[in-house]
């Protein structure tokens, strides 16, 4: 059986060749086996954290289709990617469109960013039947990318609350945050919600009322809640700090590393550790402690140490 591969040349379909999952756990190339050890350590860290914190997951709930809407499926290469906003997810979605587009796209960076977020451009796991879901979870290589939790949070805040064009976020969340967290707010601030301070955003996140009201928006939701790593066994945990190496390793395992490289991009506007430190300077130690509790599992599970700038109580 021949199929067009995304890079304009005919290669035989995957059947018969090794799947990414086989290549990961029994590498045929030495270069891949060294990296495999690193990823084994990351997997163990997740497993150990889930086990150590099983108190919270004693009522081991069954995942619903709604829990699987972040898992993008690539049938051709037998891979599943759980996307986490603010962790290079636009570029990974572009890459997934190249991989699943059957030749429609060849260069990820030619795909406009807004196009990458159109849900119909990628197939997610919640669109399958229960037996199909189980088959894919068992046989496909599953991966996700993570980032230092507070750096990701500051990145989300900067993007959603300090950019003038994000009016839908200002209306949907900004107005609510101002109403709840700001004493003597002006009518304009209550109407527009476009000048939310980071301290107000933090106060909103740790407010028990917020957590009872509705799930967090995906841009600041924990990775633990978006991708369910205690219920779904991820074969690879990529990190934002080693984005290119980890991404290209995945593309190598998929057998497309010779044709497709993960896009590198200018890091001029990206949120850094120094920037994050600055944002946290005005947050009281009480609020820092409460916020750390919200994201604690992400810190532990993905092996991020408590930031040195935190003044925890």
Foldseek 3Di string as FASTA:
>chain_A
DWAQFQARDIDRACVVPDALVCCLVPNPDPVNVVVSVVQVVLLVLQQVLCVVPCVVCVVVDDDALVLFLQWFAAVRRLETEREFPLQCRLLVLLVSLSRRVRNPDQASVVQDSVNSPPSVSTDILSVDDPVVSVVSLVGGAYEYEDEDQLLLVVQLCCVQQADPPNQVSQQPPLLVLCVPQPPPDDPVCNRRSRHDALQSVLVLVLPVCNVVVDADDSSNHECCRNNVCSVGRHSGYHYSVPVQVRVLSSCVSSVNSVRDGRDDDDCVPRRDPVNSLVSCPPHDQDSLQSSCVNHVSVCSSSVNDDDPSHDHD
